[in-house]
Amino acid sequence: MRGRLKLVVIIASRRENRYGDKVGRWFAEQARISPHFDVEVVDIAEVDLPSIHETNLSPAMMILSQTLWTGDAFVVVTPEYNTAIPAI
């Protein structure tokens, strides 16, 4: 039998006064109760994301890439604006 899955919860909003961080962290706490998951939260407001796609990854992007690469399952908590996710 396989061990615990690495669940990555991505809080995908950078706006001030956002609510998604509260929802994402609540979800992560609920998932941590399960014996099936090791949970890691990625809050993109805390990651130095470039505004353009760069050829060479910054140190922050390398860390983020490694975190995502090692994930087994993902939950993306994102706001909805005008029936779509934010462009950023």
PDB file of N, CA and C in Angstrom:
ATOM      1  N   MET A   1       0.836  -1.184   0.000  1.00  0.00           N
ATOM      2  CA  MET A   1       0.000   0.000   0.000  1.00  0.00           C
ATOM      3  C   MET A   1       0.883   1.249   0.000  1.00  0.00           C
ATOM      4  N   ARG A   2       0.484   2.234  -0.748  1.00  0.00           N
ATOM      5  CA  ARG A   2       1.218   3.483  -0.852  1.00  0.00           C
ATOM      6  C   ARG A   2       1.014   4.327   0.400  1.00  0.00           C
ATOM      7  N   GLY A   3       2.003   5.152   0.714  1.00  0.00           N
ATOM      8  CA  GLY A   3       1.930   6.029   1.875  1.00  0.00           C
ATOM      9  C   GLY A   3       1.017   7.216   1.642  1.00  0.00           C
ATOM     10  N   ARG A   4       1.199   8.204   2.466  1.00  0.00           N
ATOM     11  CA  ARG A   4       0.380   9.416   2.394  1.00  0.00           C
ATOM     12  C   ARG A   4       0.672  10.193   1.116  1.00  0.00           C
ATOM     13  N   LEU A   5      -0.365  10.833   0.594  1.00  0.00           N
ATOM     14  CA  LEU A   5      -0.233  11.671  -0.587  1.00  0.00           C
ATOM     15  C   LEU A   5       0.141  13.093  -0.174  1.00  0.00           C
ATOM     16  N   LYS A   6       0.970  13.734  -0.984  1.00  0.00           N
ATOM     17  CA  LYS A   6       1.283  15.142  -0.738  1.00  0.00           C
ATOM     18  C   LYS A   6       0.219  15.975  -1.447  1.00  0.00           C
ATOM     19  N   LEU A   7      -0.585  16.663  -0.658  1.00  0.00           N
ATOM     20  CA  LEU A   7      -1.647  17.539  -1.162  1.00  0.00           C
ATOM     21  C   LEU A   7      -1.156  18.973  -1.084  1.00  0.00           C
ATOM     22  N   VAL A   8      -1.133  19.654  -2.218  1.00  0.00           N
ATOM     23  CA  VAL A   8      -0.709  21.052  -2.272  1.00  0.00           C
ATOM     24  C   VAL A   8      -1.954  21.913  -2.439  1.00  0.00           C
ATOM     25  N   VAL A   9      -2.188  22.793  -1.481  1.00  0.00           N
ATOM     26  CA  VAL A   9      -3.308  23.733  -1.538  1.00  0.00           C
ATOM     27  C   VAL A   9      -2.743  25.066  -2.014  1.00  0.00           C
ATOM     28  N   ILE A  10      -3.204  25.527  -3.166  1.00  0.00           N
ATOM     29  CA  ILE A  10      -2.700  26.761  -3.763  1.00  0.00           C
ATOM     30  C   ILE A  10      -3.732  27.866  -3.556  1.00  0.00           C
ATOM     31  N   ILE A  11      -3.335  28.883  -2.820  1.00  0.00           N
ATOM     32  CA  ILE A  11      -4.193  30.060  -2.633  1.00  0.00           C
ATOM     33  C   ILE A  11      -3.819  31.023  -3.753  1.00  0.00           C
ATOM     34  N   ALA A  12      -4.725  31.181  -4.711  1.00  0.00           N
ATOM     35  CA  ALA A  12      -4.398  31.832  -5.982  1.00  0.00           C
ATOM     36  C   ALA A  12      -4.967  33.239  -6.116  1.00  0.00           C
ATOM     37  N   SER A  13      -4.779  34.035  -5.102  1.00  0.00           N
ATOM     38  CA  SER A  13      -5.197  35.436  -5.172  1.00  0.00           C
ATOM     39  C   SER A  13      -4.146  36.289  -4.483  1.00  0.00           C
ATOM     40  N   ARG A  14      -3.873  37.434  -5.079  1.00  0.00           N
ATOM     41  CA  ARG A  14      -2.892  38.353  -4.506  1.00  0.00           C
ATOM     42  C   ARG A  14      -3.541  39.659  -4.050  1.00  0.00           C
ATOM     43  N   ARG A  15      -4.842  39.757  -4.168  1.00  0.00           N
ATOM     44  CA  ARG A  15      -5.536  41.011  -3.859  1.00  0.00           C
ATOM     45  C   ARG A  15      -5.537  41.332  -2.373  1.00  0.00           C
ATOM     46  N   GLU A  16      -5.580  42.634  -2.074  1.00  0.00           N
ATOM     47  CA  GLU A  16      -5.778  43.060  -0.693  1.00  0.00           C
ATOM     48  C   GLU A  16      -7.204  42.707  -0.289  1.00  0.00           C
ATOM     49  N   ASN A  17      -7.399  42.487   0.978  1.00  0.00           N
ATOM     50  CA  ASN A  17      -8.725  42.168   1.526  1.00  0.00           C
ATOM     51  C   ASN A  17      -9.355  40.941   0.882  1.00  0.00           C
ATOM     52  N   ARG A  18      -8.540  40.022   0.458  1.00  0.00           N
ATOM     53  CA  ARG A  18      -9.048  38.790  -0.161  1.00  0.00           C
ATOM     54  C   ARG A  18      -9.643  37.883   0.904  1.00  0.00           C
ATOM     55  N   TYR A  19     -10.424  36.939   0.472  1.00  0.00           N
ATOM     56  CA  TYR A  19     -11.033  35.984   1.387  1.00  0.00           C
ATOM     57  C   TYR A  19     -10.497  34.569   1.138  1.00  0.00           C
ATOM     58  N   GLY A  20      -9.901  34.364  -0.032  1.00  0.00           N
ATOM     59  CA  GLY A  20      -9.416  33.032  -0.405  1.00  0.00           C
ATOM     60  C   GLY A  20      -8.376  32.461   0.528  1.00  0.00           C
ATOM     61  N   ASP A  21      -7.556  33.320   1.153  1.00  0.00           N
ATOM     62  CA  ASP A  21      -6.555  32.802   2.084  1.00  0.00           C
ATOM     63  C   ASP A  21      -7.216  32.142   3.289  1.00  0.00           C
ATOM     64  N   LYS A  22      -8.321  32.704   3.731  1.00  0.00           N
ATOM     65  CA  LYS A  22      -9.045  32.110   4.861  1.00  0.00           C
ATOM     66  C   LYS A  22      -9.650  30.758   4.469  1.00  0.00           C
ATOM     67  N   VAL A  23     -10.234  30.708   3.287  1.00  0.00           N
ATOM     68  CA  VAL A  23     -10.826  29.456   2.790  1.00  0.00           C
ATOM     69  C   VAL A  23      -9.731  28.413   2.569  1.00  0.00           C
ATOM     70  N   GLY A  24      -8.638  28.814   1.934  1.00  0.00           N
ATOM     71  CA  GLY A  24      -7.547  27.879   1.655  1.00  0.00           C
ATOM     72  C   GLY A  24      -6.924  27.310   2.914  1.00  0.00           C
ATOM     73  N   ARG A  25      -6.687  28.157   3.902  1.00  0.00           N
ATOM     74  CA  ARG A  25      -6.085  27.679   5.152  1.00  0.00           C
ATOM     75  C   ARG A  25      -7.065  26.815   5.950  1.00  0.00           C
ATOM     76  N   TRP A  26      -8.358  27.154   5.890  1.00  0.00           N
ATOM     77  CA  TRP A  26      -9.374  26.303   6.536  1.00  0.00           C
ATOM     78  C   TRP A  26      -9.382  24.926   5.870  1.00  0.00           C
ATOM     79  N   PHE A  27      -9.384  24.903   4.540  1.00  0.00           N
ATOM     80  CA  PHE A  27      -9.390  23.635   3.818  1.00  0.00           C
ATOM     81  C   PHE A  27      -8.158  22.803   4.179  1.00  0.00           C
ATOM     82  N   ALA A  28      -7.001  23.452   4.230  1.00  0.00           N
ATOM     83  CA  ALA A  28      -5.763  22.738   4.562  1.00  0.00           C
ATOM     84  C   ALA A  28      -5.850  22.110   5.954  1.00  0.00           C
ATOM     85  N   GLU A  29      -6.396  22.850   6.913  1.00  0.00           N
ATOM     86  CA  GLU A  29      -6.544  22.298   8.269  1.00  0.00           C
ATOM     87  C   GLU A  29      -7.482  21.090   8.274  1.00  0.00           C
ATOM     88  N   GLN A  30      -8.548  21.158   7.497  1.00  0.00           N
ATOM     89  CA  GLN A  30      -9.468  20.029   7.411  1.00  0.00           C
ATOM     90  C   GLN A  30      -8.779  18.825   6.771  1.00  0.00           C
ATOM     91  N   ALA A  31      -7.988  19.076   5.731  1.00  0.00           N
ATOM     92  CA  ALA A  31      -7.296  17.982   5.032  1.00  0.00           C
ATOM     93  C   ALA A  31      -6.233  17.351   5.927  1.00  0.00           C
ATOM     94  N   ARG A  32      -5.626  18.133   6.801  1.00  0.00           N
ATOM     95  CA  ARG A  32      -4.602  17.599   7.714  1.00  0.00           C
ATOM     96  C   ARG A  32      -5.179  16.599   8.705  1.00  0.00           C
ATOM     97  N   ILE A  33      -6.467  16.657   8.928  1.00  0.00           N
ATOM     98  CA  ILE A  33      -7.124  15.697   9.825  1.00  0.00           C
ATOM     99  C   ILE A  33      -7.091  14.299   9.224  1.00  0.00           C
ATOM    100  N   SER A  34      -7.128  14.227   7.905  1.00  0.00           N
ATOM    101  CA  SER A  34      -7.134  12.939   7.206  1.00  0.00           C
ATOM    102  C   SER A  34      -5.792  12.236   7.346  1.00  0.00           C
ATOM    103  N   PRO A  35      -5.820  10.939   7.552  1.00  0.00           N
ATOM    104  CA  PRO A  35      -4.565  10.192   7.616  1.00  0.00           C
ATOM    105  C   PRO A  35      -3.948   9.954   6.240  1.00  0.00           C
ATOM    106  N   HIS A  36      -4.604  10.406   5.182  1.00  0.00           N
ATOM    107  CA  HIS A  36      -4.157  10.123   3.819  1.00  0.00           C
ATOM    108  C   HIS A  36      -3.272  11.206   3.214  1.00  0.00           C
ATOM    109  N   PHE A  37      -3.179  12.376   3.857  1.00  0.00           N
ATOM    110  CA  PHE A  37      -2.501  13.507   3.231  1.00  0.00           C
ATOM    111  C   PHE A  37      -1.430  14.138   4.113  1.00  0.00           C
ATOM    112  N   ASP A  38      -0.347  14.519   3.460  1.00  0.00           N
ATOM    113  CA  ASP A  38       0.589  15.502   3.990  1.00  0.00           C
ATOM    114  C   ASP A  38       0.250  16.766   3.214  1.00  0.00           C
ATOM    115  N   VAL A  39      -0.025  17.848   3.914  1.00  0.00           N
ATOM    116  CA  VAL A  39      -0.557  19.056   3.278  1.00  0.00           C
ATOM    117  C   VAL A  39       0.478  20.171   3.284  1.00  0.00           C
ATOM    118  N   GLU A  40       0.623  20.820   2.134  1.00  0.00           N
ATOM    119  CA  GLU A  40       1.457  22.014   2.032  1.00  0.00           C
ATOM    120  C   GLU A  40       0.623  23.116   1.397  1.00  0.00           C
ATOM    121  N   VAL A  41       0.696  24.298   1.974  1.00  0.00           N
ATOM    122  CA  VAL A  41      -0.041  25.450   1.451  1.00  0.00           C
ATOM    123  C   VAL A  41       0.931  26.343   0.688  1.00  0.00           C
ATOM    124  N   VAL A  42       0.538  26.719  -0.528  1.00  0.00           N
ATOM    125  CA  VAL A  42       1.291  27.689  -1.323  1.00  0.00           C
ATOM    126  C   VAL A  42       0.382  28.898  -1.508  1.00  0.00           C
ATOM    127  N   ASP A  43       0.796  30.011  -0.950  1.00  0.00           N
ATOM    128  CA  ASP A  43       0.044  31.264  -1.075  1.00  0.00           C
ATOM    129  C   ASP A  43       0.803  32.130  -2.077  1.00  0.00           C
ATOM    130  N   ILE A  44       0.241  32.324  -3.270  1.00  0.00           N
ATOM    131  CA  ILE A  44       0.991  33.054  -4.290  1.00  0.00           C
ATOM    132  C   ILE A  44       1.230  34.509  -3.914  1.00  0.00           C
ATOM    133  N   ALA A  45       0.517  35.015  -2.922  1.00  0.00           N
ATOM    134  CA  ALA A  45       0.791  36.365  -2.441  1.00  0.00           C
ATOM    135  C   ALA A  45       2.138  36.421  -1.720  1.00  0.00           C
ATOM    136  N   GLU A  46       2.638  35.268  -1.309  1.00  0.00           N
ATOM    137  CA  GLU A  46       3.907  35.198  -0.599  1.00  0.00           C
ATOM    138  C   GLU A  46       5.055  34.737  -1.494  1.00  0.00           C
ATOM    139  N   VAL A  47       4.768  34.507  -2.784  1.00  0.00           N
ATOM    140  CA  VAL A  47       5.779  34.045  -3.735  1.00  0.00           C
ATOM    141  C   VAL A  47       6.116  35.200  -4.671  1.00  0.00           C
ATOM    142  N   ASP A  48       7.396  35.402  -4.916  1.00  0.00           N
ATOM    143  CA  ASP A  48       7.844  36.475  -5.808  1.00  0.00           C
ATOM    144  C   ASP A  48       7.683  36.014  -7.255  1.00  0.00           C
ATOM    145  N   LEU A  49       6.441  36.088  -7.751  1.00  0.00           N
ATOM    146  CA  LEU A  49       6.165  35.656  -9.123  1.00  0.00           C
ATOM    147  C   LEU A  49       6.527  36.759 -10.120  1.00  0.00           C
ATOM    148  N   PRO A  50       7.173  36.388 -11.228  1.00  0.00           N
ATOM    149  CA  PRO A  50       7.448  37.390 -12.258  1.00  0.00           C
ATOM    150  C   PRO A  50       6.165  37.745 -13.009  1.00  0.00           C
ATOM    151  N   SER A  51       6.126  38.937 -13.558  1.00  0.00           N
ATOM    152  CA  SER A  51       4.936  39.349 -14.317  1.00  0.00           C
ATOM    153  C   SER A  51       4.989  38.874 -15.759  1.00  0.00           C
ATOM    154  N   ILE A  52       6.141  38.364 -16.202  1.00  0.00           N
ATOM    155  CA  ILE A  52       6.284  37.806 -17.545  1.00  0.00           C
ATOM    156  C   ILE A  52       6.931  36.427 -17.426  1.00  0.00           C
ATOM    157  N   HIS A  53       6.789  35.623 -18.466  1.00  0.00           N
ATOM    158  CA  HIS A  53       7.435  34.303 -18.480  1.00  0.00           C
ATOM    159  C   HIS A  53       8.904  34.490 -18.820  1.00  0.00           C
ATOM    160  N   GLU A  54       9.766  34.135 -17.897  1.00  0.00           N
ATOM    161  CA  GLU A  54      11.194  34.304 -18.081  1.00  0.00           C
ATOM    162  C   GLU A  54      11.845  32.982 -18.453  1.00  0.00           C
ATOM    163  N   THR A  55      12.916  33.062 -19.213  1.00  0.00           N
ATOM    164  CA  THR A  55      13.639  31.857 -19.622  1.00  0.00           C
ATOM    165  C   THR A  55      14.288  31.178 -18.430  1.00  0.00           C
ATOM    166  N   ASN A  56      14.954  31.967 -17.606  1.00  0.00           N
ATOM    167  CA  ASN A  56      15.620  31.424 -16.418  1.00  0.00           C
ATOM    168  C   ASN A  56      14.743  31.646 -15.201  1.00  0.00           C
ATOM    169  N   LEU A  57      14.563  30.585 -14.436  1.00  0.00           N
ATOM    170  CA  LEU A  57      13.732  30.683 -13.243  1.00  0.00           C
ATOM    171  C   LEU A  57      14.457  31.399 -12.113  1.00  0.00           C
ATOM    172  N   SER A  58      13.728  32.268 -11.425  1.00  0.00           N
ATOM    173  CA  SER A  58      14.267  32.930 -10.240  1.00  0.00           C
ATOM    174  C   SER A  58      14.344  31.901  -9.107  1.00  0.00           C
ATOM    175  N   PRO A  59      15.092  32.189  -8.049  1.00  0.00           N
ATOM    176  CA  PRO A  59      15.124  31.262  -6.909  1.00  0.00           C
ATOM    177  C   PRO A  59      13.729  30.965  -6.349  1.00  0.00           C
ATOM    178  N   ALA A  60      12.869  31.986  -6.274  1.00  0.00           N
ATOM    179  CA  ALA A  60      11.505  31.771  -5.771  1.00  0.00           C
ATOM    180  C   ALA A  60      10.726  30.828  -6.682  1.00  0.00           C
ATOM    181  N   MET A  61      10.896  30.989  -7.984  1.00  0.00           N
ATOM    182  CA  MET A  61      10.195  30.115  -8.934  1.00  0.00           C
ATOM    183  C   MET A  61      10.748  28.694  -8.890  1.00  0.00           C
ATOM    184  N   MET A  62      12.030  28.546  -8.624  1.00  0.00           N
ATOM    185  CA  MET A  62      12.609  27.199  -8.514  1.00  0.00           C
ATOM    186  C   MET A  62      12.015  26.468  -7.308  1.00  0.00           C
ATOM    187  N   ILE A  63      11.870  27.188  -6.190  1.00  0.00           N
ATOM    188  CA  ILE A  63      11.272  26.584  -4.995  1.00  0.00           C
ATOM    189  C   ILE A  63       9.821  26.214  -5.268  1.00  0.00           C
ATOM    190  N   LEU A  64       9.065  27.127  -5.881  1.00  0.00           N
ATOM    191  CA  LEU A  64       7.670  26.851  -6.206  1.00  0.00           C
ATOM    192  C   LEU A  64       7.558  25.659  -7.159  1.00  0.00           C
ATOM    193  N   SER A  65       8.400  25.624  -8.171  1.00  0.00           N
ATOM    194  CA  SER A  65       8.376  24.513  -9.135  1.00  0.00           C
ATOM    195  C   SER A  65       8.629  23.182  -8.448  1.00  0.00           C
ATOM    196  N   GLN A  66       9.597  23.145  -7.541  1.00  0.00           N
ATOM    197  CA  GLN A  66       9.906  21.914  -6.817  1.00  0.00           C
ATOM    198  C   GLN A  66       8.720  21.471  -5.953  1.00  0.00           C
ATOM    199  N   THR A  67       8.094  22.432  -5.280  1.00  0.00           N
ATOM    200  CA  THR A  67       6.924  22.117  -4.453  1.00  0.00           C
ATOM    201  C   THR A  67       5.816  21.512  -5.305  1.00  0.00           C
ATOM    202  N   LEU A  68       5.545  22.126  -6.439  1.00  0.00           N
ATOM    203  CA  LEU A  68       4.480  21.630  -7.311  1.00  0.00           C
ATOM    204  C   LEU A  68       4.856  20.288  -7.940  1.00  0.00           C
ATOM    205  N   TRP A  69       6.108  20.129  -8.308  1.00  0.00           N
ATOM    206  CA  TRP A  69       6.560  18.898  -8.942  1.00  0.00           C
ATOM    207  C   TRP A  69       6.395  17.699  -8.010  1.00  0.00           C
ATOM    208  N   THR A  70       6.589  17.912  -6.709  1.00  0.00           N
ATOM    209  CA  THR A  70       6.516  16.803  -5.761  1.00  0.00           C
ATOM    210  C   THR A  70       5.099  16.546  -5.241  1.00  0.00           C
ATOM    211  N   GLY A  71       4.148  17.376  -5.659  1.00  0.00           N
ATOM    212  CA  GLY A  71       2.768  17.172  -5.224  1.00  0.00           C
ATOM    213  C   GLY A  71       2.105  15.999  -5.924  1.00  0.00           C
ATOM    214  N   ASP A  72       1.244  15.314  -5.198  1.00  0.00           N
ATOM    215  CA  ASP A  72       0.454  14.219  -5.762  1.00  0.00           C
ATOM    216  C   ASP A  72      -0.957  14.667  -6.128  1.00  0.00           C
ATOM    217  N   ALA A  73      -1.445  15.669  -5.404  1.00  0.00           N
ATOM    218  CA  ALA A  73      -2.813  16.166  -5.611  1.00  0.00           C
ATOM    219  C   ALA A  73      -2.808  17.660  -5.314  1.00  0.00           C
ATOM    220  N   PHE A  74      -3.735  18.377  -5.959  1.00  0.00           N
ATOM    221  CA  PHE A  74      -3.759  19.830  -5.844  1.00  0.00           C
ATOM    222  C   PHE A  74      -5.179  20.331  -5.642  1.00  0.00           C
ATOM    223  N   VAL A  75      -5.299  21.369  -4.823  1.00  0.00           N
ATOM    224  CA  VAL A  75      -6.549  22.108  -4.677  1.00  0.00           C
ATOM    225  C   VAL A  75      -6.181  23.559  -4.929  1.00  0.00           C
ATOM    226  N   VAL A  76      -6.881  24.200  -5.855  1.00  0.00           N
ATOM    227  CA  VAL A  76      -6.626  25.603  -6.157  1.00  0.00           C
ATOM    228  C   VAL A  76      -7.817  26.411  -5.657  1.00  0.00           C
ATOM    229  N   VAL A  77      -7.541  27.327  -4.736  1.00  0.00           N
ATOM    230  CA  VAL A  77      -8.574  28.204  -4.197  1.00  0.00           C
ATOM    231  C   VAL A  77      -8.399  29.538  -4.910  1.00  0.00           C
ATOM    232  N   THR A  78      -9.360  29.865  -5.767  1.00  0.00           N
ATOM    233  CA  THR A  78      -9.243  31.075  -6.565  1.00  0.00           C
ATOM    234  C   THR A  78     -10.554  31.846  -6.564  1.00  0.00           C
ATOM    235  N   PRO A  79     -10.470  33.162  -6.599  1.00  0.00           N
ATOM    236  CA  PRO A  79     -11.701  33.958  -6.672  1.00  0.00           C
ATOM    237  C   PRO A  79     -12.299  33.895  -8.074  1.00  0.00           C
ATOM    238  N   GLU A  80     -13.496  34.368  -8.159  1.00  0.00           N
ATOM    239  CA  GLU A  80     -14.178  34.460  -9.447  1.00  0.00           C
ATOM    240  C   GLU A  80     -14.518  35.924  -9.693  1.00  0.00           C
ATOM    241  N   TYR A  81     -14.103  36.409 -10.841  1.00  0.00           N
ATOM    242  CA  TYR A  81     -14.421  37.772 -11.254  1.00  0.00           C
ATOM    243  C   TYR A  81     -15.082  37.708 -12.622  1.00  0.00           C
ATOM    244  N   ASN A  82     -16.289  38.189 -12.719  1.00  0.00           N
ATOM    245  CA  ASN A  82     -17.012  38.198 -13.996  1.00  0.00           C
ATOM    246  C   ASN A  82     -17.056  36.810 -14.630  1.00  0.00           C
ATOM    247  N   THR A  83     -17.381  35.821 -13.837  1.00  0.00           N
ATOM    248  CA  THR A  83     -17.531  34.409 -14.231  1.00  0.00           C
ATOM    249  C   THR A  83     -16.249  33.767 -14.726  1.00  0.00           C
ATOM    250  N   ALA A  84     -15.093  34.252 -14.307  1.00  0.00           N
ATOM    251  CA  ALA A  84     -13.811  33.654 -14.702  1.00  0.00           C
ATOM    252  C   ALA A  84     -12.794  33.836 -13.561  1.00  0.00           C
ATOM    253  N   ILE A  85     -11.706  33.094 -13.671  1.00  0.00           N
ATOM    254  CA  ILE A  85     -10.630  33.261 -12.695  1.00  0.00           C
ATOM    255  C   ILE A  85      -9.827  34.518 -13.052  1.00  0.00           C
ATOM    256  N   PRO A  86      -9.100  35.093 -12.100  1.00  0.00           N
ATOM    257  CA  PRO A  86      -8.317  36.293 -12.398  1.00  0.00           C
ATOM    258  C   PRO A  86      -7.231  36.009 -13.436  1.00  0.00           C
ATOM    259  N   ALA A  87      -6.923  36.987 -14.236  1.00  0.00           N
ATOM    260  CA  ALA A  87      -5.933  36.824 -15.302  1.00  0.00           C
ATOM    261  C   ALA A  87      -4.552  36.505 -14.755  1.00  0.00           C
ATOM    262  N   ILE A  88      -4.166  37.123 -13.676  1.00  0.00           N
ATOM    263  CA  ILE A  88      -2.813  36.896 -13.151  1.00  0.00           C
ATOM    264  C   ILE A  88      -2.629  35.451 -12.767  1.00  0.00           C
TER     265      ILE A  88
END
